[in-house]
PDB file of all heavy atoms in Angstrom:
ATOM      1  N   VAL A   1      -8.727  -5.404   3.406  1.00  0.00           N
ATOM      2  CA  VAL A   1      -8.493  -6.783   3.546  1.00  0.00           C
ATOM      3  C   VAL A   1      -9.750  -7.495   2.994  1.00  0.00           C
ATOM      4  O   VAL A   1     -10.881  -7.302   3.355  1.00  0.00           O
ATOM      5  CB  VAL A   1      -8.273  -7.177   5.041  1.00  0.00           C
ATOM      6  CG1 VAL A   1      -8.116  -8.615   5.159  1.00  0.00           C
ATOM      7  CG2 VAL A   1      -7.038  -6.392   5.517  1.00  0.00           C
ATOM      8  N   PHE A   2      -9.425  -8.516   2.244  1.00  0.00           N
ATOM      9  CA  PHE A   2     -10.382  -9.465   1.634  1.00  0.00           C
ATOM     10  C   PHE A   2     -10.029 -10.874   1.968  1.00  0.00           C
ATOM     11  O   PHE A   2      -8.864 -11.095   2.384  1.00  0.00           O
ATOM     12  CB  PHE A   2     -10.525  -9.174   0.142  1.00  0.00           C
ATOM     13  CG  PHE A   2     -10.888  -7.785  -0.319  1.00  0.00           C
ATOM     14  CD1 PHE A   2      -9.992  -6.782  -0.404  1.00  0.00           C
ATOM     15  CD2 PHE A   2     -12.246  -7.536  -0.450  1.00  0.00           C
ATOM     16  CE1 PHE A   2     -10.368  -5.497  -0.658  1.00  0.00           C
ATOM     17  CE2 PHE A   2     -12.672  -6.239  -0.777  1.00  0.00           C
ATOM     18  CZ  PHE A   2     -11.674  -5.201  -0.937  1.00  0.00           C
ATOM     19  N   LYS A   3     -10.877 -11.808   1.655  1.00  0.00           N
ATOM     20  CA  LYS A   3     -10.578 -13.209   1.882  1.00  0.00           C
ATOM     21  C   LYS A   3      -9.282 -13.686   1.141  1.00  0.00           C
ATOM     22  O   LYS A   3      -8.464 -14.433   1.667  1.00  0.00           O
ATOM     23  CB  LYS A   3     -11.752 -14.118   1.477  1.00  0.00           C
ATOM     24  CG  LYS A   3     -11.466 -15.553   1.885  1.00  0.00           C
ATOM     25  CD  LYS A   3     -12.767 -16.321   1.733  1.00  0.00           C
ATOM     26  CE  LYS A   3     -12.669 -17.807   2.151  1.00  0.00           C
ATOM     27  NZ  LYS A   3     -13.849 -18.528   2.088  1.00  0.00           N
ATOM     28  N   TYR A   4      -9.116 -13.300  -0.100  1.00  0.00           N
ATOM     29  CA  TYR A   4      -7.953 -13.766  -0.934  1.00  0.00           C
ATOM     30  C   TYR A   4      -6.960 -12.637  -1.246  1.00  0.00           C
ATOM     31  O   TYR A   4      -5.982 -12.968  -1.922  1.00  0.00           O
ATOM     32  CB  TYR A   4      -8.484 -14.360  -2.194  1.00  0.00           C
ATOM     33  CG  TYR A   4      -9.247 -15.632  -1.899  1.00  0.00           C
ATOM     34  CD1 TYR A   4     -10.695 -15.598  -1.914  1.00  0.00           C
ATOM     35  CD2 TYR A   4      -8.629 -16.855  -1.664  1.00  0.00           C
ATOM     36  CE1 TYR A   4     -11.391 -16.757  -1.633  1.00  0.00           C
ATOM     37  CE2 TYR A   4      -9.344 -18.025  -1.433  1.00  0.00           C
ATOM     38  CZ  TYR A   4     -10.742 -17.927  -1.454  1.00  0.00           C
ATOM     39  OH  TYR A   4     -11.485 -19.055  -1.130  1.00  0.00           O
ATOM     40  N   ASN A   5      -7.235 -11.403  -0.849  1.00  0.00           N
ATOM     41  CA  ASN A   5      -6.310 -10.346  -1.253  1.00  0.00           C
ATOM     42  C   ASN A   5      -6.232  -9.368  -0.110  1.00  0.00           C
ATOM     43  O   ASN A   5      -7.143  -9.273   0.737  1.00  0.00           O
ATOM     44  CB  ASN A   5      -6.886  -9.605  -2.443  1.00  0.00           C
ATOM     45  CG  ASN A   5      -7.008 -10.437  -3.700  1.00  0.00           C
ATOM     46  OD1 ASN A   5      -8.118 -10.958  -3.999  1.00  0.00           O
ATOM     47  ND2 ASN A   5      -5.898 -10.680  -4.408  1.00  0.00           N
ATOM     48  N   TRP A   6      -5.192  -8.597  -0.141  1.00  0.00           N
ATOM     49  CA  TRP A   6      -5.004  -7.483   0.824  1.00  0.00           C
ATOM     50  C   TRP A   6      -4.232  -6.342   0.020  1.00  0.00           C
ATOM     51  O   TRP A   6      -3.504  -6.590  -0.848  1.00  0.00           O
ATOM     52  CB  TRP A   6      -4.316  -7.855   2.099  1.00  0.00           C
ATOM     53  CG  TRP A   6      -2.999  -8.432   2.015  1.00  0.00           C
ATOM     54  CD1 TRP A   6      -2.679  -9.772   1.985  1.00  0.00           C
ATOM     55  CD2 TRP A   6      -1.718  -7.704   1.894  1.00  0.00           C
ATOM     56  NE1 TRP A   6      -1.373  -9.930   1.897  1.00  0.00           N
ATOM     57  CE2 TRP A   6      -0.726  -8.692   1.829  1.00  0.00           C
ATOM     58  CE3 TRP A   6      -1.402  -6.382   1.935  1.00  0.00           C
ATOM     59  CZ2 TRP A   6       0.609  -8.335   1.733  1.00  0.00           C
ATOM     60  CZ3 TRP A   6      -0.010  -6.050   1.785  1.00  0.00           C
ATOM     61  CH2 TRP A   6       0.907  -6.965   1.734  1.00  0.00           C
ATOM     62  N   LEU A   7      -4.498  -5.129   0.498  1.00  0.00           N
ATOM     63  CA  LEU A   7      -3.880  -3.907  -0.056  1.00  0.00           C
ATOM     64  C   LEU A   7      -3.330  -3.051   1.030  1.00  0.00           C
ATOM     65  O   LEU A   7      -4.118  -2.863   2.077  1.00  0.00           O
ATOM     66  CB  LEU A   7      -4.827  -3.243  -0.838  1.00  0.00           C
ATOM     67  CG  LEU A   7      -4.428  -1.804  -1.383  1.00  0.00           C
ATOM     68  CD1 LEU A   7      -3.227  -1.810  -2.333  1.00  0.00           C
ATOM     69  CD2 LEU A   7      -5.603  -1.085  -2.090  1.00  0.00           C
ATOM     70  N   ALA A   8      -2.135  -2.603   0.908  1.00  0.00           N
ATOM     71  CA  ALA A   8      -1.608  -1.545   1.818  1.00  0.00           C
ATOM     72  C   ALA A   8      -1.230  -0.333   0.884  1.00  0.00           C
ATOM     73  O   ALA A   8      -0.527  -0.519  -0.080  1.00  0.00           O
ATOM     74  CB  ALA A   8      -0.433  -2.011   2.590  1.00  0.00           C
ATOM     75  N   ILE A   9      -1.647   0.836   1.287  1.00  0.00           N
ATOM     76  CA  ILE A   9      -1.192   2.082   0.667  1.00  0.00           C
ATOM     77  C   ILE A   9      -0.571   2.889   1.769  1.00  0.00           C
ATOM     78  O   ILE A   9      -1.125   3.191   2.749  1.00  0.00           O
ATOM     79  CB  ILE A   9      -2.392   2.850  -0.055  1.00  0.00           C
ATOM     80  CG1 ILE A   9      -2.883   1.923  -1.235  1.00  0.00           C
ATOM     81  CG2 ILE A   9      -1.921   4.127  -0.502  1.00  0.00           C
ATOM     82  CD1 ILE A   9      -3.871   2.641  -2.140  1.00  0.00           C
ATOM     83  N   ILE A  10       0.653   3.285   1.429  1.00  0.00           N
ATOM     84  CA  ILE A  10       1.517   4.051   2.368  1.00  0.00           C
ATOM     85  C   ILE A  10       1.987   5.270   1.731  1.00  0.00           C
ATOM     86  O   ILE A  10       2.633   5.225   0.623  1.00  0.00           O
ATOM     87  CB  ILE A  10       2.613   3.228   2.918  1.00  0.00           C
ATOM     88  CG1 ILE A  10       2.258   1.932   3.424  1.00  0.00           C
ATOM     89  CG2 ILE A  10       3.350   4.049   3.959  1.00  0.00           C
ATOM     90  CD1 ILE A  10       3.338   0.852   3.721  1.00  0.00           C
ATOM     91  N   ALA A  11       1.488   6.444   2.152  1.00  0.00           N
ATOM     92  CA  ALA A  11       1.965   7.790   1.678  1.00  0.00           C
ATOM     93  C   ALA A  11       3.039   8.342   2.559  1.00  0.00           C
ATOM     94  O   ALA A  11       2.923   8.333   3.788  1.00  0.00           O
ATOM     95  CB  ALA A  11       0.804   8.720   1.604  1.00  0.00           C
ATOM     96  N   ASP A  12       4.153   8.691   1.993  1.00  0.00           N
ATOM     97  CA  ASP A  12       5.276   9.324   2.633  1.00  0.00           C
ATOM     98  C   ASP A  12       5.483  10.745   2.028  1.00  0.00           C
ATOM     99  O   ASP A  12       6.236  10.881   1.132  1.00  0.00           O
ATOM    100  CB  ASP A  12       6.507   8.454   2.468  1.00  0.00           C
ATOM    101  CG  ASP A  12       7.705   8.962   3.216  1.00  0.00           C
ATOM    102  OD1 ASP A  12       7.670  10.103   3.717  1.00  0.00           O
ATOM    103  OD2 ASP A  12       8.725   8.218   3.247  1.00  0.00           O
ATOM    104  N   PRO A  13       4.720  11.716   2.596  1.00  0.00           N
ATOM    105  CA  PRO A  13       4.801  13.078   1.975  1.00  0.00           C
ATOM    106  C   PRO A  13       6.173  13.666   1.978  1.00  0.00           C
ATOM    107  O   PRO A  13       6.650  14.406   1.075  1.00  0.00           O
ATOM    108  CB  PRO A  13       3.851  13.892   2.856  1.00  0.00           C
ATOM    109  CG  PRO A  13       2.985  12.858   3.551  1.00  0.00           C
ATOM    110  CD  PRO A  13       3.791  11.582   3.660  1.00  0.00           C
ATOM    111  N   SER A  14       6.964  13.389   3.033  1.00  0.00           N
ATOM    112  CA  SER A  14       8.313  13.942   3.135  1.00  0.00           C
ATOM    113  C   SER A  14       9.176  13.537   2.001  1.00  0.00           C
ATOM    114  O   SER A  14      10.028  14.268   1.604  1.00  0.00           O
ATOM    115  CB  SER A  14       8.933  13.764   4.477  1.00  0.00           C
ATOM    116  OG  SER A  14       9.229  12.300   4.652  1.00  0.00           O
ATOM    117  N   ARG A  15       8.956  12.302   1.472  1.00  0.00           N
ATOM    118  CA  ARG A  15       9.791  11.788   0.421  1.00  0.00           C
ATOM    119  C   ARG A  15       8.984  11.864  -0.955  1.00  0.00           C
ATOM    120  O   ARG A  15       9.431  11.355  -1.960  1.00  0.00           O
ATOM    121  CB  ARG A  15      10.159  10.352   0.685  1.00  0.00           C
ATOM    122  CG  ARG A  15      11.218  10.258   1.909  1.00  0.00           C
ATOM    123  CD  ARG A  15      11.447   8.816   2.250  1.00  0.00           C
ATOM    124  NE  ARG A  15      12.343   8.693   3.424  1.00  0.00           N
ATOM    125  CZ  ARG A  15      11.942   8.608   4.709  1.00  0.00           C
ATOM    126  NH1 ARG A  15      10.594   8.667   4.961  1.00  0.00           N
ATOM    127  NH2 ARG A  15      12.780   8.597   5.633  1.00  0.00           N
ATOM    128  N   GLU A  16       7.818  12.405  -0.880  1.00  0.00           N
ATOM    129  CA  GLU A  16       6.841  12.500  -1.988  1.00  0.00           C
ATOM    130  C   GLU A  16       6.715  11.183  -2.710  1.00  0.00           C
ATOM    131  O   GLU A  16       6.909  11.027  -3.912  1.00  0.00           O
ATOM    132  CB  GLU A  16       7.405  13.586  -3.012  1.00  0.00           C
ATOM    133  CG  GLU A  16       7.454  14.966  -2.387  1.00  0.00           C
ATOM    134  CD  GLU A  16       7.885  16.057  -3.311  1.00  0.00           C
ATOM    135  OE1 GLU A  16       8.253  15.710  -4.455  1.00  0.00           O
ATOM    136  OE2 GLU A  16       7.971  17.188  -2.932  1.00  0.00           O
ATOM    137  N   LYS A  17       6.373  10.185  -1.877  1.00  0.00           N
ATOM    138  CA  LYS A  17       6.152   8.810  -2.426  1.00  0.00           C
ATOM    139  C   LYS A  17       4.977   8.147  -1.931  1.00  0.00           C
ATOM    140  O   LYS A  17       4.680   8.337  -0.749  1.00  0.00           O
ATOM    141  CB  LYS A  17       7.442   7.945  -1.993  1.00  0.00           C
ATOM    142  CG  LYS A  17       7.478   6.560  -2.542  1.00  0.00           C
ATOM    143  CD  LYS A  17       8.769   5.936  -2.205  1.00  0.00           C
ATOM    144  CE  LYS A  17       8.687   4.517  -2.907  1.00  0.00           C
ATOM    145  NZ  LYS A  17       9.738   3.550  -2.525  1.00  0.00           N
ATOM    146  N   ILE A  18       4.260   7.334  -2.737  1.00  0.00           N
ATOM    147  CA  ILE A  18       3.165   6.547  -2.348  1.00  0.00           C
ATOM    148  C   ILE A  18       3.461   5.111  -2.795  1.00  0.00           C
ATOM    149  O   ILE A  18       3.764   4.864  -3.940  1.00  0.00           O
ATOM    150  CB  ILE A  18       1.866   7.053  -3.029  1.00  0.00           C
ATOM    151  CG1 ILE A  18       1.501   8.421  -2.582  1.00  0.00           C
ATOM    152  CG2 ILE A  18       0.677   6.067  -2.803  1.00  0.00           C
ATOM    153  CD1 ILE A  18       0.307   9.044  -3.153  1.00  0.00           C
ATOM    154  N   SER A  19       3.380   4.234  -1.840  1.00  0.00           N
ATOM    155  CA  SER A  19       3.663   2.890  -2.037  1.00  0.00           C
ATOM    156  C   SER A  19       2.255   2.116  -2.118  1.00  0.00           C
ATOM    157  O   SER A  19       1.523   2.238  -1.219  1.00  0.00           O
ATOM    158  CB  SER A  19       4.505   2.238  -1.025  1.00  0.00           C
ATOM    159  OG  SER A  19       5.817   2.866  -1.017  1.00  0.00           O
ATOM    160  N   VAL A  20       2.050   1.359  -3.213  1.00  0.00           N
ATOM    161  CA  VAL A  20       0.858   0.591  -3.354  1.00  0.00           C
ATOM    162  C   VAL A  20       1.287  -0.870  -3.311  1.00  0.00           C
ATOM    163  O   VAL A  20       2.035  -1.343  -4.225  1.00  0.00           O
ATOM    164  CB  VAL A  20       0.106   0.938  -4.639  1.00  0.00           C
ATOM    165  CG1 VAL A  20      -1.099   0.015  -4.790  1.00  0.00           C
ATOM    166  CG2 VAL A  20      -0.243   2.346  -4.674  1.00  0.00           C
ATOM    167  N   ILE A  21       0.933  -1.614  -2.238  1.00  0.00           N
ATOM    168  CA  ILE A  21       1.365  -2.988  -2.055  1.00  0.00           C
ATOM    169  C   ILE A  21       0.218  -3.966  -2.075  1.00  0.00           C
ATOM    170  O   ILE A  21      -0.639  -3.959  -1.119  1.00  0.00           O
ATOM    171  CB  ILE A  21       2.202  -3.137  -0.804  1.00  0.00           C
ATOM    172  CG1 ILE A  21       3.387  -2.097  -0.780  1.00  0.00           C
ATOM    173  CG2 ILE A  21       2.674  -4.514  -0.625  1.00  0.00           C
ATOM    174  CD1 ILE A  21       4.128  -2.019   0.468  1.00  0.00           C
ATOM    175  N   TRP A  22       0.094  -4.753  -3.107  1.00  0.00           N
ATOM    176  CA  TRP A  22      -0.927  -5.788  -3.228  1.00  0.00           C
ATOM    177  C   TRP A  22      -0.341  -7.153  -2.930  1.00  0.00           C
ATOM    178  O   TRP A  22       0.584  -7.613  -3.553  1.00  0.00           O
ATOM    179  CB  TRP A  22      -1.523  -5.930  -4.611  1.00  0.00           C
ATOM    180  CG  TRP A  22      -2.643  -4.883  -4.896  1.00  0.00           C
ATOM    181  CD1 TRP A  22      -2.553  -3.715  -5.589  1.00  0.00           C
ATOM    182  CD2 TRP A  22      -3.996  -5.012  -4.487  1.00  0.00           C
ATOM    183  NE1 TRP A  22      -3.796  -3.153  -5.700  1.00  0.00           N
ATOM    184  CE2 TRP A  22      -4.708  -3.931  -5.012  1.00  0.00           C
ATOM    185  CE3 TRP A  22      -4.717  -5.910  -3.725  1.00  0.00           C
ATOM    186  CZ2 TRP A  22      -6.069  -3.686  -4.802  1.00  0.00           C
ATOM    187  CZ3 TRP A  22      -6.116  -5.741  -3.590  1.00  0.00           C
ATOM    188  CH2 TRP A  22      -6.768  -4.687  -4.096  1.00  0.00           C
ATOM    189  N   ASP A  23      -0.827  -7.781  -1.906  1.00  0.00           N
ATOM    190  CA  ASP A  23      -0.600  -9.254  -1.638  1.00  0.00           C
ATOM    191  C   ASP A  23       1.019  -9.568  -1.666  1.00  0.00           C
ATOM    192  O   ASP A  23       1.289 -10.622  -2.123  1.00  0.00           O
ATOM    193  CB  ASP A  23      -1.274 -10.051  -2.637  1.00  0.00           C
ATOM    194  CG  ASP A  23      -2.740  -9.735  -2.756  1.00  0.00           C
ATOM    195  OD1 ASP A  23      -3.412  -9.600  -1.640  1.00  0.00           O
ATOM    196  OD2 ASP A  23      -3.331  -9.790  -3.856  1.00  0.00           O
ATOM    197  N   ASP A  24       1.814  -8.683  -1.202  1.00  0.00           N
ATOM    198  CA  ASP A  24       3.218  -8.860  -1.263  1.00  0.00           C
ATOM    199  C   ASP A  24       3.875  -8.713   0.080  1.00  0.00           C
ATOM    200  O   ASP A  24       4.414  -7.712   0.379  1.00  0.00           O
ATOM    201  CB  ASP A  24       3.814  -7.885  -2.297  1.00  0.00           C
ATOM    202  CG  ASP A  24       5.331  -8.279  -2.650  1.00  0.00           C
ATOM    203  OD1 ASP A  24       5.949  -8.980  -1.843  1.00  0.00           O
ATOM    204  OD2 ASP A  24       5.796  -7.799  -3.732  1.00  0.00           O
TER     205      ASP A  24
END
């Protein structure tokens, strides 16, 4: 978390997926 931006990274190993979510 930053003043003007945020990032979430979510790894889902069972589905072999990594979600990278910037400011959305």
